[in-house]
C-alpha atoms as a PDB file:
ATOM      1  CA  MET A   1     -64.730  37.707 -32.436  1.00  0.00           C
ATOM      2  CA  GLU A   2     -64.902  38.764 -36.082  1.00  0.00           C
ATOM      3  CA  LYS A   3     -61.670  39.397 -37.903  1.00  0.00           C
ATOM      4  CA  VAL A   4     -61.077  43.071 -38.684  1.00  0.00           C
ATOM      5  CA  SER A   5     -60.421  43.488 -42.374  1.00  0.00           C
ATOM      6  CA  ARG A   6     -58.014  46.014 -43.838  1.00  0.00           C
ATOM      7  CA  ILE A   7     -59.552  47.494 -46.958  1.00  0.00           C
ATOM      8  CA  LEU A   8     -58.140  49.829 -49.615  1.00  0.00           C
ATOM      9  CA  ILE A   9     -60.714  51.619 -51.770  1.00  0.00           C
ATOM     10  CA  ALA A  10     -59.981  53.710 -54.871  1.00  0.00           C
ATOM     11  CA  ASP A  11     -62.796  55.766 -56.393  1.00  0.00           C
ATOM     12  CA  ASP A  12     -62.686  59.202 -57.986  1.00  0.00           C
ATOM     13  CA  GLU A  13     -65.990  60.298 -56.410  1.00  0.00           C
ATOM     14  CA  SER A  14     -65.162  61.520 -52.913  1.00  0.00           C
ATOM     15  CA  ASP A  15     -68.776  61.455 -51.661  1.00  0.00           C
ATOM     16  CA  ILE A  16     -69.077  57.785 -52.643  1.00  0.00           C
ATOM     17  CA  LEU A  17     -65.723  57.054 -50.987  1.00  0.00           C
ATOM     18  CA  ALA A  18     -66.934  58.676 -47.776  1.00  0.00           C
ATOM     19  CA  SER A  19     -70.106  56.566 -47.714  1.00  0.00           C
ATOM     20  CA  TYR A  20     -68.156  53.341 -48.391  1.00  0.00           C
ATOM     21  CA  LYS A  21     -65.706  54.188 -45.621  1.00  0.00           C
ATOM     22  CA  GLU A  22     -68.444  55.033 -43.124  1.00  0.00           C
ATOM     23  CA  ALA A  23     -70.414  51.828 -43.838  1.00  0.00           C
ATOM     24  CA  LEU A  24     -67.333  49.623 -43.492  1.00  0.00           C
ATOM     25  CA  GLU A  25     -66.040  51.357 -40.359  1.00  0.00           C
ATOM     26  CA  LYS A  26     -69.463  50.808 -38.734  1.00  0.00           C
ATOM     27  CA  SER A  27     -68.738  47.106 -39.228  1.00  0.00           C
ATOM     28  CA  ASN A  28     -65.316  47.564 -37.566  1.00  0.00           C
ATOM     29  CA  HIS A  29     -63.157  47.408 -40.684  1.00  0.00           C
ATOM     30  CA  MET A  30     -60.004  49.497 -41.158  1.00  0.00           C
ATOM     31  CA  VAL A  31     -60.441  51.510 -44.352  1.00  0.00           C
ATOM     32  CA  THR A  32     -57.957  53.487 -46.441  1.00  0.00           C
ATOM     33  CA  THR A  33     -59.367  55.556 -49.304  1.00  0.00           C
ATOM     34  CA  VAL A  34     -57.776  57.216 -52.340  1.00  0.00           C
ATOM     35  CA  THR A  35     -59.227  59.091 -55.313  1.00  0.00           C
ATOM     36  CA  ASP A  36     -57.231  57.690 -58.235  1.00  0.00           C
ATOM     37  CA  GLY A  37     -55.399  54.598 -59.423  1.00  0.00           C
ATOM     38  CA  LYS A  38     -51.939  56.133 -59.148  1.00  0.00           C
ATOM     39  CA  LYS A  39     -52.402  57.028 -55.472  1.00  0.00           C
ATOM     40  CA  CYS A  40     -53.888  53.558 -54.888  1.00  0.00           C
ATOM     41  CA  LEU A  41     -50.680  51.961 -56.134  1.00  0.00           C
ATOM     42  CA  GLU A  42     -48.513  54.283 -54.029  1.00  0.00           C
ATOM     43  CA  VAL A  43     -50.424  53.290 -50.875  1.00  0.00           C
ATOM     44  CA  TYR A  44     -50.426  49.609 -51.847  1.00  0.00           C
ATOM     45  CA  TYR A  45     -46.675  49.513 -52.532  1.00  0.00           C
ATOM     46  CA  GLN A  46     -45.907  51.271 -49.248  1.00  0.00           C
ATOM     47  CA  GLU A  47     -48.088  48.891 -47.223  1.00  0.00           C
ATOM     48  CA  PHE A  48     -46.775  45.873 -49.136  1.00  0.00           C
ATOM     49  CA  GLU A  49     -43.165  46.792 -48.338  1.00  0.00           C
ATOM     50  CA  GLU A  50     -44.030  47.192 -44.647  1.00  0.00           C
ATOM     51  CA  THR A  51     -45.699  43.771 -44.443  1.00  0.00           C
ATOM     52  CA  GLN A  52     -42.746  42.166 -46.222  1.00  0.00           C
ATOM     53  CA  SER A  53     -40.157  43.925 -44.036  1.00  0.00           C
ATOM     54  CA  ASP A  54     -42.024  42.687 -40.955  1.00  0.00           C
ATOM     55  CA  ASN A  55     -41.692  39.158 -42.403  1.00  0.00           C
ATOM     56  CA  LEU A  56     -45.443  38.725 -42.279  1.00  0.00           C
ATOM     57  CA  ASN A  57     -45.683  37.380 -45.841  1.00  0.00           C
ATOM     58  CA  THR A  58     -49.294  38.487 -45.992  1.00  0.00           C
ATOM     59  CA  SER A  59     -51.283  40.799 -48.188  1.00  0.00           C
ATOM     60  CA  PRO A  60     -51.258  44.360 -46.870  1.00  0.00           C
ATOM     61  CA  PHE A  61     -55.032  44.537 -47.405  1.00  0.00           C
ATOM     62  CA  ASP A  62     -57.692  41.848 -47.143  1.00  0.00           C
ATOM     63  CA  VAL A  63     -59.544  43.491 -50.031  1.00  0.00           C
ATOM     64  CA  VAL A  64     -58.758  46.157 -52.612  1.00  0.00           C
ATOM     65  CA  VAL A  65     -61.859  47.782 -54.114  1.00  0.00           C
ATOM     66  CA  LEU A  66     -61.264  49.592 -57.399  1.00  0.00           C
ATOM     67  CA  ASP A  67     -63.501  51.821 -59.449  1.00  0.00           C
ATOM     68  CA  TYR A  68     -63.079  50.716 -63.041  1.00  0.00           C
ATOM     69  CA  LYS A  69     -62.773  54.213 -64.547  1.00  0.00           C
ATOM     70  CA  MET A  70     -60.543  56.629 -62.613  1.00  0.00           C
ATOM     71  CA  PRO A  71     -58.137  59.437 -63.458  1.00  0.00           C
ATOM     72  CA  LYS A  72     -54.334  59.047 -63.619  1.00  0.00           C
ATOM     73  CA  LYS A  73     -54.587  55.241 -63.746  1.00  0.00           C
ATOM     74  CA  ASN A  74     -57.733  53.192 -64.244  1.00  0.00           C
ATOM     75  CA  GLY A  75     -58.800  50.317 -62.014  1.00  0.00           C
ATOM     76  CA  LEU A  76     -57.769  47.639 -64.484  1.00  0.00           C
ATOM     77  CA  ASP A  77     -54.204  48.967 -64.745  1.00  0.00           C
ATOM     78  CA  ALA A  78     -53.998  49.308 -60.958  1.00  0.00           C
ATOM     79  CA  ALA A  79     -55.257  45.721 -60.547  1.00  0.00           C
ATOM     80  CA  LYS A  80     -52.683  44.454 -63.041  1.00  0.00           C
ATOM     81  CA  GLU A  81     -49.822  46.046 -61.084  1.00  0.00           C
ATOM     82  CA  ILE A  82     -51.150  44.879 -57.724  1.00  0.00           C
ATOM     83  CA  LEU A  83     -51.579  41.298 -58.957  1.00  0.00           C
ATOM     84  CA  SER A  84     -48.104  41.261 -60.506  1.00  0.00           C
ATOM     85  CA  LEU A  85     -46.733  42.133 -57.068  1.00  0.00           C
ATOM     86  CA  ASN A  86     -49.153  39.963 -55.090  1.00  0.00           C
ATOM     87  CA  PRO A  87     -51.078  37.400 -57.205  1.00  0.00           C
ATOM     88  CA  SER A  88     -53.236  36.310 -54.262  1.00  0.00           C
ATOM     89  CA  GLN A  89     -54.602  39.802 -53.493  1.00  0.00           C
ATOM     90  CA  ARG A  90     -58.417  39.853 -53.423  1.00  0.00           C
ATOM     91  CA  ILE A  91     -59.713  42.597 -55.711  1.00  0.00           C
ATOM     92  CA  ILE A  92     -63.283  43.767 -56.257  1.00  0.00           C
ATOM     93  CA  PHE A  93     -64.194  46.095 -59.117  1.00  0.00           C
ATOM     94  CA  ALA A  94     -67.013  48.528 -58.373  1.00  0.00           C
ATOM     95  CA  SER A  95     -68.256  49.388 -61.830  1.00  0.00           C
ATOM     96  CA  ALA A  96     -71.260  50.417 -63.852  1.00  0.00           C
ATOM     97  CA  TYR A  97     -69.567  48.729 -66.826  1.00  0.00           C
ATOM     98  CA  VAL A  98     -69.866  45.103 -65.736  1.00  0.00           C
ATOM     99  CA  ASN A  99     -69.510  43.422 -69.140  1.00  0.00           C
ATOM    100  CA  ASP A 100     -66.468  45.516 -70.093  1.00  0.00           C
ATOM    101  CA  THR A 101     -64.952  44.931 -66.669  1.00  0.00           C
ATOM    102  CA  ILE A 102     -65.325  41.155 -66.817  1.00  0.00           C
ATOM    103  CA  VAL A 103     -64.101  40.845 -70.419  1.00  0.00           C
ATOM    104  CA  ASP A 104     -61.159  43.195 -69.830  1.00  0.00           C
ATOM    105  CA  SER A 105     -60.175  41.526 -66.561  1.00  0.00           C
ATOM    106  CA  ILE A 106     -60.006  38.148 -68.273  1.00  0.00           C
ATOM    107  CA  LYS A 107     -57.976  39.545 -71.203  1.00  0.00           C
ATOM    108  CA  VAL A 108     -55.572  41.703 -69.194  1.00  0.00           C
ATOM    109  CA  LEU A 109     -55.370  39.907 -65.857  1.00  0.00           C
ATOM    110  CA  GLY A 110     -55.923  36.362 -67.038  1.00  0.00           C
ATOM    111  CA  LYS A 111     -58.612  35.765 -64.441  1.00  0.00           C
ATOM    112  CA  ILE A 112     -62.072  36.863 -63.438  1.00  0.00           C
ATOM    113  CA  ILE A 113     -62.167  39.462 -60.694  1.00  0.00           C
ATOM    114  CA  GLU A 114     -65.158  40.004 -58.428  1.00  0.00           C
ATOM    115  CA  VAL A 115     -67.423  42.756 -59.738  1.00  0.00           C
ATOM    116  CA  LEU A 116     -70.100  44.767 -57.954  1.00  0.00           C
ATOM    117  CA  LYS A 117     -72.424  46.535 -60.417  1.00  0.00           C
ATOM    118  CA  LYS A 118     -72.931  50.220 -59.658  1.00  0.00           C
ATOM    119  CA  PRO A 119     -75.184  51.480 -58.303  1.00  0.00           C
ATOM    120  CA  PHE A 120     -75.395  49.141 -55.323  1.00  0.00           C
ATOM    121  CA  SER A 121     -76.566  49.568 -51.756  1.00  0.00           C
ATOM    122  CA  LEU A 122     -74.095  50.018 -48.926  1.00  0.00           C
ATOM    123  CA  SER A 123     -75.395  46.815 -47.347  1.00  0.00           C
ATOM    124  CA  GLU A 124     -74.665  44.889 -50.583  1.00  0.00           C
ATOM    125  CA  PHE A 125     -71.181  46.410 -50.549  1.00  0.00           C
ATOM    126  CA  VAL A 126     -70.470  45.387 -46.947  1.00  0.00           C
ATOM    127  CA  ASP A 127     -71.946  41.917 -47.579  1.00  0.00           C
ATOM    128  CA  GLN A 128     -69.607  41.410 -50.553  1.00  0.00           C
ATOM    129  CA  ILE A 129     -66.573  42.503 -48.524  1.00  0.00           C
ATOM    130  CA  GLU A 130     -67.570  40.208 -45.650  1.00  0.00           C
ATOM    131  CA  ASP A 131     -68.387  37.209 -47.878  1.00  0.00           C
ATOM    132  CA  LYS A 132     -71.960  37.042 -46.539  1.00  0.00           C
ATOM    133  CA  LYS A 133     -73.213  35.133 -49.611  1.00  0.00           C
ATOM    134  CA  ILE A 134     -70.492  32.524 -49.231  1.00  0.00           C
ATOM    135  CA  PHE A 135     -71.195  32.109 -45.506  1.00  0.00           C
ATOM    136  CA  SER A 136     -74.952  31.741 -46.074  1.00  0.00           C
ATOM    137  CA  GLU A 137     -74.319  29.140 -48.790  1.00  0.00           C
ATOM    138  CA  LEU A 138     -71.957  27.259 -46.466  1.00  0.00           C
ATOM    139  CA  GLU A 139     -74.585  27.434 -43.721  1.00  0.00           C
ATOM    140  CA  ARG A 140     -77.117  25.944 -46.151  1.00  0.00           C
ATOM    141  CA  LEU A 141     -74.667  23.050 -46.567  1.00  0.00           C
ATOM    142  CA  ASN A 142     -74.696  22.543 -42.756  1.00  0.00           C
ATOM    143  CA  VAL A 143     -71.245  24.002 -42.120  1.00  0.00           C
ATOM    144  CA  ASN A 144     -70.703  25.285 -38.594  1.00  0.00           C
ATOM    145  CA  ILE A 145     -70.107  28.957 -39.430  1.00  0.00           C
ATOM    146  CA  LYS A 146     -69.049  29.910 -35.910  1.00  0.00           C
ATOM    147  CA  ASN A 147     -66.216  27.375 -35.928  1.00  0.00           C
ATOM    148  CA  LEU A 148     -65.256  28.309 -39.478  1.00  0.00           C
ATOM    149  CA  LYS A 149     -65.009  32.028 -38.629  1.00  0.00           C
ATOM    150  CA  GLU A 150     -62.806  31.244 -35.618  1.00  0.00           C
ATOM    151  CA  ILE A 151     -60.028  30.015 -37.918  1.00  0.00           C
ATOM    152  CA  GLN A 152     -60.295  33.278 -39.903  1.00  0.00           C
ATOM    153  CA  PRO A 153     -60.093  31.807 -43.405  1.00  0.00           C
ATOM    154  CA  THR A 154     -59.122  33.927 -46.374  1.00  0.00           C
ATOM    155  CA  HIS A 155     -61.702  34.784 -48.998  1.00  0.00           C
ATOM    156  CA  GLN A 156     -60.007  32.377 -51.431  1.00  0.00           C
ATOM    157  CA  SER A 157     -60.093  29.571 -48.854  1.00  0.00           C
ATOM    158  CA  LEU A 158     -63.806  30.137 -48.317  1.00  0.00           C
ATOM    159  CA  ARG A 159     -64.525  30.048 -52.051  1.00  0.00           C
ATOM    160  CA  THR A 160     -62.478  26.874 -52.496  1.00  0.00           C
ATOM    161  CA  TYR A 161     -64.187  25.228 -49.509  1.00  0.00           C
ATOM    162  CA  LEU A 162     -67.641  26.157 -50.834  1.00  0.00           C
ATOM    163  CA  GLU A 163     -66.848  24.907 -54.352  1.00  0.00           C
ATOM    164  CA  THR A 164     -65.533  21.618 -52.942  1.00  0.00           C
ATOM    165  CA  LEU A 165     -68.650  21.122 -50.810  1.00  0.00           C
ATOM    166  CA  LYS A 166     -70.889  21.832 -53.801  1.00  0.00           C
ATOM    167  CA  VAL A 167     -69.061  19.181 -55.836  1.00  0.00           C
ATOM    168  CA  LEU A 168     -69.421  16.708 -52.962  1.00  0.00           C
ATOM    169  CA  GLU A 169     -73.106  17.591 -52.574  1.00  0.00           C
ATOM    170  CA  LYS A 170     -73.699  16.907 -56.274  1.00  0.00           C
ATOM    171  CA  GLY A 171     -71.956  13.548 -55.971  1.00  0.00           C
ATOM    172  CA  VAL A 172     -74.129  12.556 -53.015  1.00  0.00           C
ATOM    173  CA  THR A 173     -77.419  13.604 -54.596  1.00  0.00           C
ATOM    174  CA  HIS A 174     -76.796  11.982 -57.996  1.00  0.00           C
END
């Protein structure tokens, strides 16, 4: 059975938020939506405290999706606060300003954050959340995806595993 992901999405366009939420809930994800960066942080802090008080030592959300430009607090500032609290939190920027987003994320956050260029289809959005590209690349490398999904790896674990296999593949073919 697929792992149900908990997803927090912040975007100032409520119609877009509604479509994101609907698409992800159709794929059995639990989705929380907010319309600005300040509210995003309030929800994140509340959920983070609950997971810590339950001694779960896990991220409150599997993914946080942030619009880059929002009122009250922009996505970059929200990401900076979230990562200072929880450096391993997976964050995806949904932005029409891809170059600015990547450059700013490196400068401010000290790392590259995943970016989805707006506009994008809902299927692209769900695929990004569910790591479909990573799973198809792993499948190409003859990884048993069914067994891999059973251990419910984190996004970071999947990326590390894929990068390691690519390095090994290069070594074998050269």
